[in-house]
Amino acid sequence: MWCEPVGPHLAEGRAFRVLAPLTWHVGAKGSGLSVTVPTGFTFDASVPWWGRWYQDPLDPKLRRASALHDWALANGWRRIPAASLFEDALYADGVGRVRRLILSLAVIVNKWR
């Protein structure tokens, strides 16, 4: 297991902590572009209240995508590039095309600033 649950349930999901560095190759393996979520980073695997009928926030297929997305936002990335990491990780974890589209749009528009 590369992450573990921490703390109480949050309003929209559950908090998790990264147990070992999570390195993601952006675009394709060997692209020379990578993102590493460090050990100890805490993220929230959440789904907006209006989307919970469609997606369980505790689905393990969301965790890696959520970690990458939350790390990117915490480090100054804008919402659409962070959503791109999210969608790419969902694809790698076997989430279907329609569900990926809906979830990716949700992370873009939720809490838009």
N, C-alpha and C. Protein backbone atom coordinates (compact mmCIF):
# COMPACT_ATOMS: atom_id res chain seq x y z
N MET A 1 0.84 -1.18 0.00
CA MET A 1 0.00 0.00 0.00
C MET A 1 0.89 1.25 0.00
N TRP A 2 0.61 2.17 -0.87
CA TRP A 2 1.44 3.37 -0.99
C TRP A 2 0.87 4.56 -0.21
N CYS A 3 -0.36 4.41 0.30
CA CYS A 3 -0.94 5.47 1.13
C CYS A 3 -1.79 4.82 2.21
N GLU A 4 -2.07 5.62 3.27
CA GLU A 4 -2.89 5.13 4.37
C GLU A 4 -3.87 6.20 4.79
N PRO A 5 -5.04 5.82 5.32
CA PRO A 5 -6.00 6.80 5.82
C PRO A 5 -5.45 7.49 7.06
N VAL A 6 -5.76 8.76 7.21
CA VAL A 6 -5.37 9.51 8.41
C VAL A 6 -6.53 10.39 8.86
N GLY A 7 -6.54 10.68 10.14
CA GLY A 7 -7.49 11.62 10.70
C GLY A 7 -8.94 11.23 10.52
N PRO A 8 -9.82 12.12 10.97
CA PRO A 8 -11.26 11.87 10.86
C PRO A 8 -11.73 12.08 9.42
N HIS A 9 -12.91 11.60 9.15
CA HIS A 9 -13.50 11.86 7.84
C HIS A 9 -13.63 13.36 7.63
N LEU A 10 -13.32 13.80 6.43
CA LEU A 10 -13.51 15.20 6.08
C LEU A 10 -14.92 15.39 5.56
N ALA A 11 -15.31 16.62 5.34
CA ALA A 11 -16.67 16.90 4.91
C ALA A 11 -17.02 16.20 3.59
N GLU A 12 -16.04 16.08 2.67
CA GLU A 12 -16.35 15.54 1.35
C GLU A 12 -15.62 14.24 1.05
N GLY A 13 -14.89 13.68 1.96
CA GLY A 13 -14.16 12.47 1.63
C GLY A 13 -13.36 11.95 2.80
N ARG A 14 -12.13 11.59 2.54
CA ARG A 14 -11.27 11.04 3.57
C ARG A 14 -9.85 11.48 3.29
N ALA A 15 -9.13 11.76 4.36
CA ALA A 15 -7.73 12.15 4.22
C ALA A 15 -6.84 10.92 4.16
N PHE A 16 -5.82 11.00 3.33
CA PHE A 16 -4.83 9.93 3.18
C PHE A 16 -3.44 10.54 3.24
N ARG A 17 -2.47 9.73 3.65
CA ARG A 17 -1.06 10.17 3.70
C ARG A 17 -0.25 9.26 2.79
N VAL A 18 0.66 9.87 2.03
CA VAL A 18 1.54 9.13 1.14
C VAL A 18 2.64 8.48 1.98
N LEU A 19 2.84 7.17 1.81
CA LEU A 19 3.81 6.42 2.60
C LEU A 19 5.18 6.30 1.93
N ALA A 20 5.22 6.45 0.63
CA ALA A 20 6.48 6.39 -0.12
C ALA A 20 6.35 7.37 -1.28
N PRO A 21 7.44 7.95 -1.75
CA PRO A 21 7.33 8.92 -2.84
C PRO A 21 6.56 8.34 -4.04
N LEU A 22 5.66 9.13 -4.57
CA LEU A 22 4.86 8.75 -5.73
C LEU A 22 5.36 9.56 -6.91
N THR A 23 6.07 8.93 -7.83
CA THR A 23 6.60 9.62 -9.00
C THR A 23 5.73 9.30 -10.20
N TRP A 24 5.33 10.35 -10.90
CA TRP A 24 4.47 10.22 -12.06
C TRP A 24 5.18 10.83 -13.25
N HIS A 25 5.30 10.07 -14.33
CA HIS A 25 5.91 10.57 -15.57
C HIS A 25 4.82 11.26 -16.37
N VAL A 26 4.99 12.55 -16.60
CA VAL A 26 3.98 13.36 -17.28
C VAL A 26 4.05 13.08 -18.78
N GLY A 27 2.90 12.80 -19.37
CA GLY A 27 2.83 12.53 -20.80
C GLY A 27 3.09 11.07 -21.11
N ALA A 28 4.30 10.60 -20.84
CA ALA A 28 4.66 9.20 -21.09
C ALA A 28 5.93 8.90 -20.33
N LYS A 29 6.11 7.64 -19.95
CA LYS A 29 7.32 7.23 -19.26
C LYS A 29 8.52 7.54 -20.17
N GLY A 30 9.54 8.15 -19.59
CA GLY A 30 10.72 8.52 -20.36
C GLY A 30 10.61 9.88 -21.02
N SER A 31 9.53 10.62 -20.75
CA SER A 31 9.34 11.94 -21.36
C SER A 31 10.32 12.97 -20.82
N GLY A 32 10.93 12.67 -19.69
CA GLY A 32 11.82 13.64 -19.06
C GLY A 32 11.09 14.59 -18.14
N LEU A 33 9.77 14.52 -18.14
CA LEU A 33 8.95 15.35 -17.25
C LEU A 33 8.34 14.43 -16.20
N SER A 34 8.54 14.77 -14.94
CA SER A 34 7.94 13.96 -13.90
C SER A 34 7.54 14.83 -12.71
N VAL A 35 6.62 14.29 -11.94
CA VAL A 35 6.11 14.93 -10.73
C VAL A 35 6.29 13.90 -9.62
N THR A 36 6.82 14.33 -8.48
CA THR A 36 6.95 13.41 -7.35
C THR A 36 6.20 13.98 -6.15
N VAL A 37 5.23 13.21 -5.68
CA VAL A 37 4.51 13.55 -4.45
C VAL A 37 5.33 12.95 -3.31
N PRO A 38 5.80 13.78 -2.38
CA PRO A 38 6.71 13.28 -1.34
C PRO A 38 6.01 12.46 -0.25
N THR A 39 6.80 11.62 0.40
CA THR A 39 6.33 10.86 1.56
C THR A 39 5.79 11.85 2.59
N GLY A 40 4.69 11.51 3.20
CA GLY A 40 4.09 12.35 4.23
C GLY A 40 3.05 13.33 3.73
N PHE A 41 2.96 13.55 2.42
CA PHE A 41 1.96 14.47 1.88
C PHE A 41 0.57 13.94 2.20
N THR A 42 -0.30 14.80 2.71
CA THR A 42 -1.67 14.43 3.04
C THR A 42 -2.59 15.00 1.98
N PHE A 43 -3.50 14.17 1.49
CA PHE A 43 -4.43 14.62 0.47
C PHE A 43 -5.83 14.12 0.80
N ASP A 44 -6.81 14.73 0.16
CA ASP A 44 -8.21 14.40 0.40
C ASP A 44 -8.78 13.74 -0.85
N ALA A 45 -9.15 12.49 -0.73
CA ALA A 45 -9.85 11.82 -1.83
C ALA A 45 -11.31 12.20 -1.71
N SER A 46 -11.69 13.25 -2.41
CA SER A 46 -13.05 13.77 -2.23
C SER A 46 -13.80 13.82 -3.55
N VAL A 47 -15.10 13.87 -3.41
CA VAL A 47 -16.01 14.05 -4.53
C VAL A 47 -16.99 15.12 -4.08
N PRO A 48 -17.25 16.15 -4.90
CA PRO A 48 -18.21 17.18 -4.50
C PRO A 48 -19.56 16.57 -4.12
N TRP A 49 -20.28 17.22 -3.23
CA TRP A 49 -21.55 16.68 -2.74
C TRP A 49 -22.50 16.34 -3.89
N TRP A 50 -22.45 17.15 -4.97
CA TRP A 50 -23.37 16.94 -6.07
C TRP A 50 -22.98 15.75 -6.96
N GLY A 51 -21.81 15.16 -6.72
CA GLY A 51 -21.38 14.03 -7.54
C GLY A 51 -21.29 12.71 -6.81
N ARG A 52 -21.64 12.72 -5.52
CA ARG A 52 -21.50 11.48 -4.74
C ARG A 52 -22.47 10.39 -5.13
N TRP A 53 -23.57 10.75 -5.78
CA TRP A 53 -24.49 9.72 -6.25
C TRP A 53 -23.83 8.89 -7.35
N TYR A 54 -22.82 9.48 -8.00
CA TYR A 54 -22.17 8.85 -9.15
C TYR A 54 -20.84 8.19 -8.80
N GLN A 55 -20.12 8.76 -7.84
CA GLN A 55 -18.77 8.27 -7.54
C GLN A 55 -18.54 8.24 -6.03
N ASP A 56 -18.15 7.09 -5.51
CA ASP A 56 -17.80 6.92 -4.10
C ASP A 56 -16.44 7.57 -3.85
N PRO A 57 -16.33 8.52 -2.91
CA PRO A 57 -15.03 9.15 -2.65
C PRO A 57 -13.98 8.19 -2.11
N LEU A 58 -14.38 7.04 -1.60
CA LEU A 58 -13.41 6.10 -1.05
C LEU A 58 -12.97 5.03 -2.05
N ASP A 59 -13.36 5.17 -3.30
CA ASP A 59 -12.95 4.23 -4.35
C ASP A 59 -11.42 4.27 -4.50
N PRO A 60 -10.74 3.14 -4.33
CA PRO A 60 -9.27 3.13 -4.42
C PRO A 60 -8.74 3.61 -5.77
N LYS A 61 -9.53 3.51 -6.83
CA LYS A 61 -9.08 3.97 -8.14
C LYS A 61 -8.90 5.50 -8.20
N LEU A 62 -9.44 6.22 -7.23
CA LEU A 62 -9.31 7.68 -7.20
C LEU A 62 -8.08 8.15 -6.44
N ARG A 63 -7.48 7.30 -5.62
CA ARG A 63 -6.46 7.76 -4.68
C ARG A 63 -5.20 8.30 -5.33
N ARG A 64 -4.63 7.60 -6.29
CA ARG A 64 -3.41 8.09 -6.92
C ARG A 64 -3.70 9.39 -7.67
N ALA A 65 -4.81 9.43 -8.39
CA ALA A 65 -5.19 10.64 -9.11
C ALA A 65 -5.41 11.81 -8.14
N SER A 66 -6.05 11.53 -7.02
CA SER A 66 -6.30 12.58 -6.02
C SER A 66 -5.01 13.10 -5.41
N ALA A 67 -4.06 12.20 -5.13
CA ALA A 67 -2.78 12.61 -4.56
C ALA A 67 -2.04 13.53 -5.53
N LEU A 68 -1.98 13.15 -6.80
CA LEU A 68 -1.29 13.97 -7.80
C LEU A 68 -1.98 15.32 -7.97
N HIS A 69 -3.30 15.30 -8.06
CA HIS A 69 -4.07 16.54 -8.23
C HIS A 69 -3.88 17.49 -7.05
N ASP A 70 -4.04 16.97 -5.83
CA ASP A 70 -3.92 17.81 -4.64
C ASP A 70 -2.51 18.35 -4.46
N TRP A 71 -1.49 17.52 -4.77
CA TRP A 71 -0.10 17.98 -4.68
C TRP A 71 0.14 19.10 -5.68
N ALA A 72 -0.34 18.93 -6.89
CA ALA A 72 -0.16 19.96 -7.91
C ALA A 72 -0.79 21.28 -7.47
N LEU A 73 -2.03 21.24 -6.97
CA LEU A 73 -2.69 22.47 -6.51
C LEU A 73 -1.94 23.09 -5.34
N ALA A 74 -1.46 22.26 -4.41
CA ALA A 74 -0.73 22.77 -3.24
C ALA A 74 0.59 23.41 -3.63
N ASN A 75 1.08 23.09 -4.83
CA ASN A 75 2.36 23.64 -5.28
C ASN A 75 2.20 24.66 -6.40
N GLY A 76 1.03 25.28 -6.46
CA GLY A 76 0.83 26.42 -7.33
C GLY A 76 0.36 26.13 -8.74
N TRP A 77 0.07 24.87 -9.06
CA TRP A 77 -0.44 24.57 -10.39
C TRP A 77 -1.85 25.15 -10.52
N ARG A 78 -2.21 25.52 -11.72
CA ARG A 78 -3.58 25.96 -11.99
C ARG A 78 -4.46 24.72 -12.14
N ARG A 79 -5.76 24.93 -12.10
CA ARG A 79 -6.73 23.83 -12.05
C ARG A 79 -6.70 22.91 -13.27
N ILE A 80 -6.57 23.45 -14.47
CA ILE A 80 -6.63 22.60 -15.66
C ILE A 80 -5.38 21.73 -15.80
N PRO A 81 -4.16 22.26 -15.62
CA PRO A 81 -3.00 21.35 -15.65
C PRO A 81 -3.06 20.29 -14.55
N ALA A 82 -3.54 20.66 -13.36
CA ALA A 82 -3.68 19.68 -12.27
C ALA A 82 -4.72 18.62 -12.65
N ALA A 83 -5.79 19.05 -13.32
CA ALA A 83 -6.82 18.11 -13.77
C ALA A 83 -6.28 17.15 -14.83
N SER A 84 -5.32 17.62 -15.61
CA SER A 84 -4.70 16.76 -16.61
C SER A 84 -3.94 15.60 -15.95
N LEU A 85 -3.19 15.90 -14.88
CA LEU A 85 -2.53 14.84 -14.11
C LEU A 85 -3.57 13.86 -13.55
N PHE A 86 -4.64 14.42 -13.01
CA PHE A 86 -5.73 13.64 -12.43
C PHE A 86 -6.31 12.67 -13.48
N GLU A 87 -6.62 13.20 -14.67
CA GLU A 87 -7.22 12.37 -15.72
C GLU A 87 -6.25 11.29 -16.19
N ASP A 88 -4.98 11.63 -16.30
CA ASP A 88 -3.98 10.67 -16.74
C ASP A 88 -3.85 9.51 -15.74
N ALA A 89 -3.87 9.82 -14.46
CA ALA A 89 -3.78 8.78 -13.43
C ALA A 89 -5.05 7.92 -13.41
N LEU A 90 -6.21 8.53 -13.61
CA LEU A 90 -7.45 7.75 -13.69
C LEU A 90 -7.38 6.77 -14.85
N TYR A 91 -6.86 7.22 -15.99
CA TYR A 91 -6.72 6.35 -17.15
C TYR A 91 -5.80 5.17 -16.83
N ALA A 92 -4.66 5.47 -16.21
CA ALA A 92 -3.70 4.42 -15.86
C ALA A 92 -4.30 3.41 -14.87
N ASP A 93 -5.23 3.87 -14.04
CA ASP A 93 -5.83 2.98 -13.05
C ASP A 93 -7.12 2.31 -13.55
N GLY A 94 -7.38 2.41 -14.85
CA GLY A 94 -8.47 1.66 -15.45
C GLY A 94 -9.85 2.27 -15.34
N VAL A 95 -9.94 3.56 -15.06
CA VAL A 95 -11.25 4.21 -15.00
C VAL A 95 -11.71 4.46 -16.44
N GLY A 96 -12.96 4.14 -16.72
CA GLY A 96 -13.50 4.27 -18.07
C GLY A 96 -13.57 5.70 -18.58
N ARG A 97 -13.69 5.83 -19.89
CA ARG A 97 -13.63 7.12 -20.57
C ARG A 97 -14.69 8.12 -20.08
N VAL A 98 -15.95 7.70 -20.00
CA VAL A 98 -17.02 8.62 -19.58
C VAL A 98 -16.83 9.05 -18.13
N ARG A 99 -16.51 8.10 -17.26
CA ARG A 99 -16.29 8.43 -15.84
C ARG A 99 -15.09 9.38 -15.69
N ARG A 100 -14.01 9.13 -16.46
CA ARG A 100 -12.83 10.03 -16.42
C ARG A 100 -13.22 11.44 -16.82
N LEU A 101 -14.01 11.57 -17.87
CA LEU A 101 -14.44 12.89 -18.34
C LEU A 101 -15.24 13.60 -17.26
N ILE A 102 -16.20 12.91 -16.68
CA ILE A 102 -17.05 13.52 -15.65
C ILE A 102 -16.22 13.92 -14.44
N LEU A 103 -15.33 13.03 -13.96
CA LEU A 103 -14.52 13.34 -12.79
C LEU A 103 -13.53 14.45 -13.07
N SER A 104 -12.95 14.47 -14.26
CA SER A 104 -12.00 15.52 -14.61
C SER A 104 -12.69 16.88 -14.68
N LEU A 105 -13.87 16.93 -15.28
CA LEU A 105 -14.63 18.18 -15.31
C LEU A 105 -15.00 18.63 -13.89
N ALA A 106 -15.32 17.66 -13.03
CA ALA A 106 -15.67 18.00 -11.65
C ALA A 106 -14.50 18.64 -10.91
N VAL A 107 -13.26 18.13 -11.10
CA VAL A 107 -12.14 18.76 -10.39
C VAL A 107 -11.79 20.11 -10.97
N ILE A 108 -12.14 20.33 -12.23
CA ILE A 108 -11.90 21.66 -12.83
C ILE A 108 -12.89 22.68 -12.29
N VAL A 109 -14.17 22.34 -12.25
CA VAL A 109 -15.18 23.34 -11.89
C VAL A 109 -15.43 23.44 -10.39
N ASN A 110 -15.11 22.41 -9.61
CA ASN A 110 -15.35 22.47 -8.17
C ASN A 110 -14.39 23.48 -7.54
N LYS A 111 -14.95 24.41 -6.78
CA LYS A 111 -14.18 25.45 -6.09
C LYS A 111 -13.36 26.31 -7.06
N TRP A 112 -13.94 26.56 -8.23
CA TRP A 112 -13.28 27.39 -9.24
C TRP A 112 -12.92 28.74 -8.67
N ARG A 113 -11.67 29.18 -8.93
CA ARG A 113 -11.22 30.50 -8.44
C ARG A 113 -10.69 31.31 -9.59
